[in-house]
Protein backbone atom coordinates (compact mmCIF):
# COMPACT_ATOMS: atom_id res chain seq x y z
CA MET A 1 -4.27 -34.19 30.22
CA ARG A 2 -1.99 -33.44 33.11
CA ILE A 3 1.39 -31.83 32.60
CA THR A 4 4.21 -34.35 33.09
CA ALA A 5 7.48 -33.58 34.86
CA SER A 6 9.39 -33.42 31.56
CA GLN A 7 6.80 -31.05 30.03
CA ASP A 8 6.94 -28.95 33.22
CA ALA A 9 10.70 -28.56 32.77
CA VAL A 10 10.18 -27.38 29.18
CA ILE A 11 7.52 -24.85 30.20
CA ALA A 12 9.67 -23.48 33.03
CA LEU A 13 12.66 -23.11 30.71
CA ALA A 14 10.68 -21.47 27.90
CA LEU A 15 8.76 -19.05 30.10
CA ASN A 16 11.88 -18.20 32.16
CA GLU A 17 10.18 -19.12 35.41
CA GLN A 18 13.12 -20.86 37.03
CA GLY A 19 13.61 -19.32 40.46
CA LYS A 20 10.34 -17.38 40.27
CA THR A 21 6.89 -18.31 41.49
CA PRO A 22 5.92 -20.96 38.91
CA TYR A 23 2.74 -21.11 36.89
CA ASN A 24 -0.09 -23.09 38.46
CA ARG A 25 0.66 -26.61 37.17
CA GLU A 26 -2.43 -28.14 38.80
CA LYS A 27 -4.81 -25.76 36.98
CA SER A 28 -2.93 -25.96 33.65
CA SER A 29 -3.34 -28.77 31.13
CA ILE A 30 -2.05 -30.30 27.92
CA ILE A 31 -4.38 -29.97 24.95
CA PHE A 32 -2.26 -31.84 22.38
CA GLU A 33 1.04 -33.71 22.37
CA ALA A 34 3.14 -35.51 19.79
CA GLY A 35 6.36 -36.90 21.24
CA SER A 36 7.64 -38.41 24.45
CA SER A 37 10.10 -37.97 27.31
CA GLN A 38 13.73 -38.72 26.53
CA MET A 39 16.88 -38.56 28.59
CA ALA A 40 19.69 -36.21 27.56
CA ASN A 41 23.37 -37.15 27.75
CA ASP A 42 23.64 -35.21 31.03
CA GLY A 43 20.92 -37.36 32.64
CA ARG A 44 18.09 -34.82 32.63
CA GLU A 45 14.73 -35.86 31.19
CA TRP A 46 13.08 -33.61 28.59
CA PHE A 47 9.93 -33.88 26.49
CA ILE A 48 11.00 -34.17 22.84
CA GLY A 49 8.40 -33.32 20.21
CA SER A 50 5.54 -30.81 20.23
CA PHE A 51 2.77 -30.05 22.66
CA VAL A 52 0.12 -27.40 23.23
CA ALA A 53 -0.50 -26.37 26.82
CA LYS A 54 -3.18 -24.19 28.32
CA ILE A 55 -1.28 -22.32 31.04
CA TYR A 56 -3.55 -21.04 33.79
CA ARG A 57 -3.92 -17.23 33.62
CA LYS A 58 -1.22 -16.95 30.95
CA GLY A 59 -2.83 -18.31 27.78
CA THR A 60 -2.31 -21.22 25.40
CA TYR A 61 1.18 -21.96 24.09
CA ARG A 62 2.73 -24.34 21.57
CA PHE A 63 6.12 -25.79 22.52
CA ASP A 64 8.45 -27.47 20.00
CA THR A 65 11.47 -29.22 21.47
CA LYS A 66 14.42 -31.22 20.16
CA PHE A 67 17.96 -32.31 20.92
CA GLU A 68 20.76 -30.76 18.90
CA LEU A 69 24.11 -32.46 18.38
CA TRP A 70 27.06 -30.14 18.00
CA GLY A 71 30.23 -30.87 16.03
CA ASN A 72 32.28 -31.60 19.15
CA GLY A 73 29.83 -34.35 20.20
CA GLU A 74 28.01 -32.26 22.80
CA GLN A 75 24.25 -32.46 23.04
CA ALA A 76 22.02 -29.45 23.64
CA PHE A 77 18.31 -29.09 24.25
CA SER A 78 16.35 -26.63 22.13
CA VAL A 79 12.85 -25.27 22.80
CA THR A 80 10.78 -22.80 20.83
CA HIS A 81 7.42 -21.57 21.99
CA LYS A 82 4.68 -19.34 20.72
CA LYS A 83 1.57 -17.96 22.39
CA ILE A 84 -1.38 -18.99 20.24
CA VAL A 85 -4.39 -17.85 22.33
CA ALA A 86 -4.66 -15.13 24.97
């Protein structure tokens, strides 16, 4: 499956590629996904749930994402990732 814009934002954030030459999105793909795109309070769209992506020339990664609500009512986006195959 192709990588959506919201999944692309998650990958860029997790791999710290913002401002750098990005990974090759066209040659990368999604192997598995469980979740969907959701809009945060600040208007940005993020993929919420889990997905496994084969990143071209970087390996296969699992991304787990969620929104966190803080005590003062602010919303934050959280992503964890782990390389699962070289």
